[in-house]
N, C-alpha and C. Protein backbone atom coordinates (compact mmCIF):
# COMPACT_ATOMS: atom_id res chain seq x y z
N MET A 1 14.65 26.34 -19.32
CA MET A 1 14.63 27.49 -17.98
C MET A 1 13.40 26.78 -17.59
N SER A 2 12.71 25.66 -18.20
CA SER A 2 11.36 24.80 -17.13
C SER A 2 11.72 24.68 -16.04
N ASN A 3 13.00 23.79 -16.04
CA ASN A 3 13.02 22.79 -14.54
C ASN A 3 13.74 23.78 -13.50
N PRO A 4 14.68 25.47 -13.85
CA PRO A 4 14.71 26.03 -12.95
C PRO A 4 13.34 27.03 -12.20
N ILE A 5 12.68 27.57 -13.04
CA ILE A 5 11.17 27.95 -13.06
C ILE A 5 10.34 26.87 -12.15
N SER A 6 10.01 25.79 -12.16
CA SER A 6 10.00 24.92 -11.58
C SER A 6 10.59 24.19 -9.95
N GLY A 7 11.71 24.53 -10.33
CA GLY A 7 12.06 24.55 -9.07
C GLY A 7 11.96 25.86 -7.86
N VAL A 8 11.73 26.91 -8.38
CA VAL A 8 11.01 28.11 -7.66
C VAL A 8 10.05 27.88 -7.07
N LEU A 9 9.12 27.66 -8.26
CA LEU A 9 7.52 26.75 -7.56
C LEU A 9 7.16 26.13 -6.68
N ILE A 10 7.88 25.05 -6.53
CA ILE A 10 8.65 24.27 -5.68
C ILE A 10 8.60 24.94 -4.27
N PHE A 11 9.71 25.46 -4.35
CA PHE A 11 9.95 26.83 -3.12
C PHE A 11 9.18 27.43 -2.76
N LEU A 12 8.25 27.88 -3.41
CA LEU A 12 7.43 28.94 -2.85
C LEU A 12 6.09 28.23 -2.70
N TYR A 13 5.55 27.10 -3.28
CA TYR A 13 4.31 26.68 -2.74
C TYR A 13 4.34 25.35 -2.04
N GLN A 14 5.59 24.92 -1.46
CA GLN A 14 6.07 23.41 -0.92
C GLN A 14 4.90 22.91 -0.80
N PRO A 15 4.82 22.09 -1.92
CA PRO A 15 3.98 20.92 -2.07
C PRO A 15 4.61 19.71 -0.49
N PHE A 16 5.65 19.70 -0.71
CA PHE A 16 6.59 18.99 0.11
C PHE A 16 8.02 19.70 0.74
N LEU A 17 8.12 19.24 2.18
CA LEU A 17 9.91 19.55 2.31
C LEU A 17 10.40 18.55 2.71
N ILE A 18 12.03 18.81 2.89
CA ILE A 18 12.84 18.18 2.81
C ILE A 18 12.46 16.70 3.97
N GLY A 19 12.81 16.05 3.76
CA GLY A 19 12.51 14.53 5.17
C GLY A 19 11.00 13.88 4.62
N ASP A 20 10.17 14.65 3.78
CA ASP A 20 8.44 14.38 2.90
C ASP A 20 8.74 12.88 2.71
N LEU A 21 7.59 12.08 2.73
CA LEU A 21 7.10 10.77 1.98
C LEU A 21 6.89 10.95 1.13
N ILE A 22 7.19 11.03 -0.15
CA ILE A 22 6.37 11.18 -1.61
C ILE A 22 6.37 10.48 -2.62
N GLU A 23 4.93 10.24 -3.45
CA GLU A 23 5.03 9.53 -4.79
C GLU A 23 4.65 10.16 -5.66
N VAL A 24 5.62 10.26 -7.06
CA VAL A 24 6.02 10.83 -7.97
C VAL A 24 5.65 10.38 -8.95
N ASP A 25 4.38 9.78 -9.80
CA ASP A 25 4.37 8.81 -11.49
C ASP A 25 5.51 7.58 -10.77
N ASN A 26 4.62 6.83 -9.82
CA ASN A 26 4.75 5.34 -9.03
C ASN A 26 6.16 5.47 -8.49
N LEU A 27 6.96 6.50 -8.29
CA LEU A 27 8.22 6.62 -7.89
C LEU A 27 8.03 7.11 -6.40
N TYR A 28 8.48 6.18 -5.32
CA TYR A 28 7.99 7.06 -3.70
C TYR A 28 9.52 6.59 -3.22
N GLY A 29 9.37 7.48 -1.83
CA GLY A 29 10.84 7.42 -1.12
C GLY A 29 10.73 9.01 -0.28
N ARG A 30 11.93 8.93 0.63
CA ARG A 30 12.01 10.80 1.18
C ARG A 30 12.42 11.42 0.67
N VAL A 31 11.98 12.58 0.29
CA VAL A 31 13.08 14.00 -0.31
C VAL A 31 14.57 13.79 0.39
N ASN A 32 15.24 13.92 -0.07
CA ASN A 32 16.76 13.93 0.19
C ASN A 32 17.02 15.26 0.07
N LYS A 33 16.75 15.78 -1.06
CA LYS A 33 17.11 17.00 -1.35
C LYS A 33 16.64 18.09 -2.83
N ILE A 34 15.93 19.47 -2.76
CA ILE A 34 14.94 19.86 -3.72
C ILE A 34 16.35 21.11 -4.21
N THR A 35 16.56 21.05 -5.37
CA THR A 35 17.45 22.08 -5.93
C THR A 35 16.88 22.67 -7.35
N LEU A 36 16.95 23.77 -7.44
CA LEU A 36 15.90 24.54 -8.69
C LEU A 36 15.79 23.54 -10.01
N GLY A 37 16.99 23.27 -10.18
CA GLY A 37 16.87 22.14 -11.39
C GLY A 37 15.71 20.76 -10.97
N ALA A 38 16.02 20.04 -9.74
CA ALA A 38 15.97 18.79 -9.60
C ALA A 38 14.87 18.40 -7.85
N THR A 39 14.45 17.65 -7.55
CA THR A 39 14.14 17.12 -6.23
C THR A 39 15.21 15.59 -6.18
N TYR A 40 15.30 15.30 -5.64
CA TYR A 40 15.77 13.85 -4.76
C TYR A 40 15.39 13.27 -4.16
N VAL A 41 14.93 12.18 -4.60
CA VAL A 41 14.27 11.39 -3.75
C VAL A 41 15.19 10.32 -3.50
N VAL A 42 14.96 9.33 -2.39
CA VAL A 42 16.03 7.88 -1.64
C VAL A 42 14.96 7.12 -1.59
N THR A 43 14.64 5.86 -1.85
CA THR A 43 13.41 4.63 -1.85
C THR A 43 13.74 3.95 -0.88
N VAL A 44 13.06 3.21 -0.85
CA VAL A 44 12.87 2.51 0.49
C VAL A 44 14.05 1.50 -0.08
N ASP A 45 14.87 1.28 -0.98
CA ASP A 45 15.55 0.19 -1.18
C ASP A 45 17.27 1.20 -0.99
N ALA A 46 16.69 2.39 -0.93
CA ALA A 46 17.98 3.03 -0.79
C ALA A 46 19.15 3.59 -2.18
N LYS A 47 18.20 3.25 -3.20
CA LYS A 47 18.58 4.28 -4.75
C LYS A 47 18.26 5.99 -4.56
N MET A 48 18.70 6.52 -5.12
CA MET A 48 18.88 7.83 -5.25
C MET A 48 18.04 8.28 -6.44
N LEU A 49 17.29 8.79 -6.48
CA LEU A 49 16.22 8.93 -7.65
C LEU A 49 16.45 10.77 -7.91
N THR A 50 16.92 11.12 -9.03
CA THR A 50 17.08 12.59 -9.51
C THR A 50 15.60 12.99 -10.50
N VAL A 51 14.29 13.49 -9.98
CA VAL A 51 13.24 13.74 -10.63
C VAL A 51 13.55 15.26 -11.04
N PRO A 52 13.40 15.76 -11.90
CA PRO A 52 13.39 16.81 -12.67
C PRO A 52 12.45 17.78 -12.30
N ASN A 53 12.37 18.72 -11.93
CA ASN A 53 11.40 19.57 -11.50
C ASN A 53 10.29 19.56 -12.26
N ILE A 54 10.60 19.56 -13.73
CA ILE A 54 9.14 19.58 -13.87
C ILE A 54 8.05 18.45 -14.23
N GLN A 55 9.33 17.75 -14.18
CA GLN A 55 8.28 16.55 -13.95
C GLN A 55 7.33 16.52 -12.98
N ILE A 56 7.83 16.90 -11.63
CA ILE A 56 7.07 16.92 -10.15
C ILE A 56 6.09 18.22 -10.45
N ILE A 57 5.95 19.76 -10.83
CA ILE A 57 5.27 19.83 -11.28
C ILE A 57 3.90 19.89 -12.34
N ASN A 58 4.56 18.83 -13.35
CA ASN A 58 3.37 18.78 -13.80
C ASN A 58 2.76 16.97 -14.21
N LYS A 59 2.88 16.69 -12.66
CA LYS A 59 2.58 15.22 -12.39
C LYS A 59 1.67 15.54 -11.14
N THR A 60 0.69 14.62 -10.65
CA THR A 60 0.26 14.42 -9.13
C THR A 60 1.58 14.08 -8.46
N VAL A 61 1.82 14.78 -7.28
CA VAL A 61 2.54 14.35 -6.42
C VAL A 61 1.82 14.27 -4.86
N ALA A 62 1.64 12.57 -4.45
CA ALA A 62 1.12 12.13 -3.24
C ALA A 62 2.01 12.66 -2.00
N SER A 63 1.47 12.94 -1.21
CA SER A 63 2.16 13.21 -0.12
C SER A 63 1.75 11.98 1.32
N PHE A 64 2.69 11.56 2.02
CA PHE A 64 2.34 10.50 2.90
C PHE A 64 2.80 11.09 3.92
N THR A 65 3.18 12.65 4.04
CA THR A 65 4.04 12.92 5.33
C THR A 65 3.28 14.42 5.93
N LYS A 66 2.73 15.44 4.31
CA LYS A 66 1.82 16.41 4.39
C LYS A 66 0.79 16.77 5.63
N PHE A 67 0.19 15.30 6.45
CA PHE A 67 -1.07 15.21 7.32
C PHE A 67 -0.50 14.91 8.27
N PRO A 68 -1.33 15.04 9.45
CA PRO A 68 -0.80 14.67 10.33
C PRO A 68 -1.29 12.51 10.23
N ASN A 69 -1.89 12.40 9.95
CA ASN A 69 -2.32 10.64 9.82
C ASN A 69 -2.53 10.29 8.34
N LEU A 70 -2.75 8.78 8.78
CA LEU A 70 -1.97 8.06 7.41
C LEU A 70 -2.99 6.53 7.33
N ARG A 71 -4.01 6.24 6.97
CA ARG A 71 -5.00 5.41 6.96
C ARG A 71 -4.14 4.28 6.37
N LEU A 72 -3.85 3.08 6.37
CA LEU A 72 -3.35 1.39 6.12
C LEU A 72 -4.73 0.69 5.47
N ASP A 73 -4.58 0.51 4.68
CA ASP A 73 -5.81 -0.55 3.87
C ASP A 73 -5.02 -2.14 3.63
N ILE A 74 -5.56 -2.89 4.42
CA ILE A 74 -4.69 -4.38 3.85
C ILE A 74 -5.78 -4.82 3.36
N PRO A 75 -6.09 -5.99 2.36
CA PRO A 75 -7.03 -6.44 1.67
C PRO A 75 -6.54 -7.88 2.13
N VAL A 76 -7.78 -8.40 2.46
CA VAL A 76 -7.09 -10.03 2.28
C VAL A 76 -8.71 -10.49 1.75
N THR A 77 -8.60 -11.93 1.49
CA THR A 77 -10.24 -12.81 0.53
C THR A 77 -9.69 -13.65 2.01
N ILE A 78 -11.56 -14.08 2.19
CA ILE A 78 -11.90 -15.21 3.36
C ILE A 78 -13.16 -15.61 2.41
N GLY A 79 -13.05 -16.93 3.04
CA GLY A 79 -13.94 -17.99 2.31
C GLY A 79 -15.56 -18.43 2.31
N LEU A 80 -16.11 -17.93 1.58
CA LEU A 80 -17.69 -17.91 1.77
C LEU A 80 -18.49 -18.10 2.66
N THR A 81 -17.83 -18.73 3.39
CA THR A 81 -18.66 -19.52 4.50
C THR A 81 -17.77 -18.98 5.89
N GLU A 82 -17.27 -17.96 5.91
CA GLU A 82 -16.78 -17.56 7.05
C GLU A 82 -17.59 -16.94 8.07
N ASN A 83 -17.62 -16.65 9.24
CA ASN A 83 -18.53 -15.38 10.10
C ASN A 83 -17.92 -14.17 9.88
N LEU A 84 -18.34 -13.22 9.38
CA LEU A 84 -18.13 -12.03 8.95
C LEU A 84 -17.88 -11.61 10.51
N ASP A 85 -18.74 -11.64 11.22
CA ASP A 85 -18.64 -10.81 12.37
C ASP A 85 -17.39 -11.72 13.61
N ARG A 86 -17.05 -13.20 13.03
CA ARG A 86 -15.87 -13.25 13.55
C ARG A 86 -14.64 -13.02 13.66
N VAL A 87 -14.94 -12.73 12.02
CA VAL A 87 -13.76 -12.31 11.34
C VAL A 87 -13.14 -10.23 11.68
N ARG A 88 -13.55 -9.86 11.56
CA ARG A 88 -14.08 -8.63 12.19
C ARG A 88 -13.71 -8.35 13.32
N GLN A 89 -14.14 -8.73 14.59
CA GLN A 89 -13.91 -9.36 15.48
C GLN A 89 -11.84 -9.03 15.81
N LEU A 90 -11.50 -10.24 15.48
CA LEU A 90 -10.29 -10.58 15.16
C LEU A 90 -9.32 -9.92 14.66
N LEU A 91 -9.72 -8.93 13.62
CA LEU A 91 -9.31 -7.91 13.07
C LEU A 91 -9.45 -6.43 13.73
N MET A 92 -10.15 -6.24 14.19
CA MET A 92 -10.17 -5.42 15.25
C MET A 92 -9.51 -5.56 16.49
N ASP A 93 -9.18 -6.94 17.26
CA ASP A 93 -8.37 -6.48 18.17
C ASP A 93 -7.03 -6.65 17.67
N LEU A 94 -6.72 -7.25 16.69
CA LEU A 94 -5.04 -6.89 16.18
C LEU A 94 -4.81 -5.71 16.32
N VAL A 95 -5.70 -4.71 15.72
CA VAL A 95 -5.04 -3.34 15.86
C VAL A 95 -5.46 -2.40 16.98
N GLU A 96 -6.48 -3.12 17.79
CA GLU A 96 -6.90 -2.25 18.90
C GLU A 96 -5.73 -2.24 19.91
N ARG A 97 -4.97 -3.42 19.78
CA ARG A 97 -3.94 -3.73 20.73
C ARG A 97 -2.28 -3.49 20.23
N ASP A 98 -2.40 -2.65 19.46
CA ASP A 98 -1.37 -1.96 19.37
C ASP A 98 -1.09 -0.57 19.18
N ASP A 99 -0.61 -0.06 20.21
CA ASP A 99 -0.93 1.56 19.62
C ASP A 99 0.04 2.14 18.94
N ASP A 100 0.62 1.88 17.86
CA ASP A 100 0.77 2.29 16.66
C ASP A 100 -0.43 3.02 15.79
N PHE A 101 -1.59 2.40 16.05
CA PHE A 101 -2.85 2.47 15.59
C PHE A 101 -3.53 3.28 16.40
N MET A 102 -4.27 4.34 15.73
CA MET A 102 -5.60 5.15 16.50
C MET A 102 -6.86 5.05 16.88
N THR A 103 -7.47 5.49 17.81
CA THR A 103 -8.65 4.88 18.36
C THR A 103 -9.54 5.58 17.33
N GLU A 104 -9.66 6.98 17.31
CA GLU A 104 -10.59 7.44 16.48
C GLU A 104 -9.70 8.59 15.38
N PRO A 105 -10.01 8.73 13.96
CA PRO A 105 -10.94 7.28 13.66
C PRO A 105 -11.01 6.20 14.25
N ARG A 106 -12.19 5.37 13.92
CA ARG A 106 -11.94 3.57 14.55
C ARG A 106 -11.23 3.13 13.66
N PRO A 107 -10.81 1.64 13.68
CA PRO A 107 -9.77 0.94 12.79
C PRO A 107 -11.25 0.26 11.97
N ARG A 108 -11.57 0.10 11.44
CA ARG A 108 -12.29 -0.97 10.22
C ARG A 108 -12.46 -2.25 9.49
N MET A 109 -13.50 -3.53 9.48
CA MET A 109 -12.68 -3.75 8.19
C MET A 109 -14.27 -3.81 7.48
N ALA A 110 -14.14 -3.58 6.46
CA ALA A 110 -14.91 -3.51 5.35
C ALA A 110 -15.19 -4.30 3.91
N VAL A 111 -16.30 -5.18 3.64
CA VAL A 111 -16.51 -5.86 2.56
C VAL A 111 -16.67 -4.77 1.55
N THR A 112 -15.21 -5.71 1.05
CA THR A 112 -14.89 -4.74 -0.67
C THR A 112 -15.26 -5.19 -2.03
N GLN A 113 -15.89 -6.68 -1.86
CA GLN A 113 -16.15 -7.68 -3.23
C GLN A 113 -16.34 -8.56 -2.45
N LEU A 114 -17.85 -9.22 -3.51
CA LEU A 114 -18.02 -10.50 -3.09
C LEU A 114 -18.35 -11.29 -4.58
N ASN A 115 -16.96 -12.45 -4.48
CA ASN A 115 -16.67 -12.91 -5.21
C ASN A 115 -17.13 -14.54 -5.64
N ASP A 116 -16.79 -15.05 -6.47
CA ASP A 116 -17.49 -16.23 -6.86
C ASP A 116 -17.20 -17.61 -5.94
N TYR A 117 -15.84 -17.05 -5.38
CA TYR A 117 -15.28 -18.18 -4.57
C TYR A 117 -14.82 -17.25 -2.99
N ASN A 118 -14.77 -16.47 -3.29
CA ASN A 118 -14.16 -15.82 -1.98
C ASN A 118 -15.39 -14.38 -1.34
N VAL A 119 -14.65 -13.77 -0.31
CA VAL A 119 -15.26 -12.89 -0.24
C VAL A 119 -13.94 -11.99 0.18
N ALA A 120 -13.77 -10.69 -0.64
CA ALA A 120 -12.80 -9.75 -0.47
C ALA A 120 -13.01 -8.23 0.56
N ILE A 121 -12.13 -8.34 2.02
CA ILE A 121 -12.17 -7.58 2.83
C ILE A 121 -10.80 -6.84 3.19
N GLU A 122 -11.49 -5.29 3.72
CA GLU A 122 -10.02 -4.30 3.84
C GLU A 122 -10.00 -4.10 5.51
N GLN A 123 -8.84 -4.07 6.03
CA GLN A 123 -8.37 -4.03 7.25
C GLN A 123 -8.06 -2.97 7.04
N LYS A 124 -8.83 -1.72 7.52
CA LYS A 124 -8.45 0.14 7.63
C LYS A 124 -8.51 0.56 9.04
N ALA A 125 -6.72 1.24 9.28
CA ALA A 125 -6.85 1.38 10.68
C ALA A 125 -5.86 2.15 10.30
N TRP A 126 -6.02 3.76 10.95
CA TRP A 126 -5.32 5.21 11.08
C TRP A 126 -3.82 4.79 11.79
N LEU A 127 -2.31 5.32 11.46
CA LEU A 127 -1.58 5.52 11.94
C LEU A 127 -1.60 6.75 12.97
N ARG A 128 -0.48 6.33 13.78
CA ARG A 128 -0.73 7.74 14.59
C ARG A 128 0.67 8.36 13.85
N GLU A 129 1.81 7.54 13.40
CA GLU A 129 3.04 8.58 13.02
C GLU A 129 3.35 7.76 11.73
N GLU A 130 2.57 8.62 10.54
CA GLU A 130 2.48 8.23 9.37
C GLU A 130 4.21 7.74 8.75
N ARG A 131 4.92 8.39 8.93
CA ARG A 131 6.30 8.36 8.98
C ARG A 131 6.88 6.65 8.24
N THR A 132 5.66 5.80 9.66
CA THR A 132 6.12 4.60 9.69
C THR A 132 5.42 3.59 8.91
N HIS A 133 4.71 4.19 7.68
CA HIS A 133 4.01 3.37 7.35
C HIS A 133 4.50 1.84 6.60
N VAL A 134 5.20 2.15 5.51
CA VAL A 134 5.88 1.31 5.25
C VAL A 134 6.36 -0.13 5.95
N GLU A 135 6.91 0.03 6.88
CA GLU A 135 7.21 -0.87 7.47
C GLU A 135 5.63 -1.55 8.56
N LYS A 136 5.39 -0.89 8.88
CA LYS A 136 3.83 -0.79 9.54
C LYS A 136 2.91 -1.54 8.35
N ARG A 137 2.59 -1.32 7.22
CA ARG A 137 2.02 -2.24 6.29
C ARG A 137 2.40 -3.83 6.26
N PHE A 138 3.89 -3.59 6.33
CA PHE A 138 4.16 -4.76 6.15
C PHE A 138 3.86 -5.64 7.75
N GLN A 139 3.87 -5.29 8.83
CA GLN A 139 3.96 -5.94 10.08
C GLN A 139 2.31 -6.20 9.82
N LEU A 140 1.51 -5.34 9.82
CA LEU A 140 -0.26 -5.54 10.02
C LEU A 140 -0.31 -6.83 8.86
N ARG A 141 0.09 -6.61 7.75
CA ARG A 141 -0.33 -7.27 6.49
C ARG A 141 0.01 -9.29 7.03
N GLU A 142 1.34 -9.39 7.31
CA GLU A 142 2.14 -10.71 8.52
C GLU A 142 1.16 -10.68 10.01
N ARG A 143 1.01 -10.18 10.37
CA ARG A 143 -0.05 -10.44 11.58
C ARG A 143 -1.32 -10.91 11.42
N LEU A 144 -2.25 -9.90 10.53
CA LEU A 144 -3.20 -10.40 9.74
C LEU A 144 -3.36 -11.71 9.45
N PHE A 145 -2.27 -12.02 8.57
CA PHE A 145 -2.16 -14.10 7.79
C PHE A 145 -2.42 -14.50 9.03
N THR A 146 -1.33 -14.33 9.64
CA THR A 146 -1.10 -14.95 10.89
C THR A 146 -2.32 -15.22 11.51
N THR A 147 -2.74 -14.77 12.43
CA THR A 147 -4.05 -14.46 13.48
C THR A 147 -4.92 -15.38 12.63
N LEU A 148 -5.43 -14.92 10.96
CA LEU A 148 -6.62 -15.59 10.80
C LEU A 148 -5.83 -17.36 10.47
N THR A 149 -4.93 -17.55 9.84
CA THR A 149 -4.36 -18.79 9.79
C THR A 149 -4.61 -19.53 10.89
N GLU A 150 -3.74 -19.29 12.02
CA GLU A 150 -3.91 -19.69 13.52
C GLU A 150 -5.31 -19.98 14.10
N VAL A 151 -5.79 -19.64 13.98
CA VAL A 151 -7.68 -19.61 14.22
C VAL A 151 -8.55 -20.21 13.17
N GLY A 152 -7.84 -20.83 11.48
CA GLY A 152 -8.10 -21.64 10.98
C GLY A 152 -9.22 -21.17 10.19
N ILE A 153 -9.19 -19.45 9.79
CA ILE A 153 -10.30 -18.92 8.67
C ILE A 153 -9.39 -19.54 7.32
N ASP A 154 -10.35 -19.62 6.80
CA ASP A 154 -9.96 -19.96 5.20
C ASP A 154 -10.14 -18.78 4.50
N MET A 155 -8.66 -18.66 3.63
CA MET A 155 -8.03 -17.59 2.58
C MET A 155 -8.01 -18.43 0.83
N PRO A 156 -9.49 -18.65 0.61
CA PRO A 156 -8.64 -18.75 -0.55
C PRO A 156 -8.86 -17.67 -1.73
N LEU A 157 -8.15 -17.99 -2.45
CA LEU A 157 -7.84 -17.30 -3.80
C LEU A 157 -8.72 -18.26 -4.93
N GLU A 158 -8.77 -17.11 -5.65
CA GLU A 158 -9.37 -17.47 -7.06
C GLU A 158 -8.60 -18.11 -7.87
N THR A 159 -9.30 -19.83 -8.34
CA THR A 159 -8.15 -20.04 -8.94
C THR A 159 -9.29 -20.67 -10.84
N ILE A 160 -7.94 -21.18 -11.32
CA ILE A 160 -9.07 -21.64 -12.71
C ILE A 160 -8.51 -22.97 -12.77
N GLN A 161 -9.57 -23.89 -12.38
CA GLN A 161 -8.65 -25.48 -13.12
C GLN A 161 -8.96 -25.91 -14.34
N LEU A 162 -8.32 -26.38 -15.34
CA LEU A 162 -8.47 -26.83 -16.31
C LEU A 162 -8.41 -28.35 -16.94
N ALA A 163 -9.35 -29.07 -17.39
CA ALA A 163 -9.36 -30.16 -17.79
C ALA A 163 -8.12 -30.73 -18.11
N ALA A 164 -7.68 -32.05 -18.03
CA ALA A 164 -6.86 -32.63 -19.05
C ALA A 164 -6.98 -33.24 -19.64
N MET A 165 -6.42 -32.91 -21.21
CA MET A 165 -6.75 -32.91 -22.43
C MET A 165 -5.75 -34.24 -22.77
N ASP A 166 -5.58 -34.81 -23.86
CA ASP A 166 -5.36 -35.87 -24.26
C ASP A 166 -4.58 -35.20 -25.69
N VAL A 167 -3.34 -34.97 -25.52
CA VAL A 167 -2.36 -33.99 -26.58
C VAL A 167 -1.66 -35.10 -27.39
N LYS A 168 -1.64 -35.58 -28.55
CA LYS A 168 -0.83 -36.44 -29.12
C LYS A 168 0.41 -35.00 -30.09
N VAL A 169 1.61 -35.93 -29.58
CA VAL A 169 2.62 -34.67 -30.42
C VAL A 169 3.14 -35.13 -31.30
N HIS A 170 3.48 -35.31 -32.56
CA HIS A 170 3.89 -35.40 -33.75
C HIS A 170 5.31 -34.90 -34.31
N SER A 171 6.43 -35.80 -34.68
CA SER A 171 7.41 -35.31 -34.71
C SER A 171 7.98 -35.11 -36.27
N ASN A 172 8.09 -34.10 -37.11
CA ASN A 172 9.09 -34.56 -38.03
C ASN A 172 9.73 -34.01 -38.63
N GLY A 173 11.08 -34.60 -37.28
CA GLY A 173 11.87 -34.69 -38.05
C GLY A 173 13.10 -33.69 -37.19
N ARG A 174 12.78 -32.71 -37.00
CA ARG A 174 12.84 -31.45 -36.37
C ARG A 174 13.45 -30.99 -35.03
């Protein structure tokens, strides 16, 4: 009885509608159908997920289309000696030239962490059409990488260097 009751609650409160992009319990996709027993979600790789409504009622549901805009946050690391103002200008130019991003609220670059070997930053930009967020996230990440590498911005990763060890292996006949 819990699934039909959950289905009625979903119909009544409408936390999402058919066509909305949602994430439930790390499962992401477009709502294809809602019945009393389950909600059917199509993933970005075209898999049909049947999610029992009781799971939806008992979990946090993230809606990517319930509100008119969505912000993309693209993380990247740059070298410790890079000029933050130069990087910020490059990233701002990148999104300001793209009509798919809003001018208000303004896009911004934020330093999120100071690491031993790099500076972690995030490009933050608001999309005009939230339904395009998956494809625009891929595009922006690729354009950000291409732009920074073309102008020679160092993007180091944290690495661990191990010293070579002299190891002798003995065979015991096995």
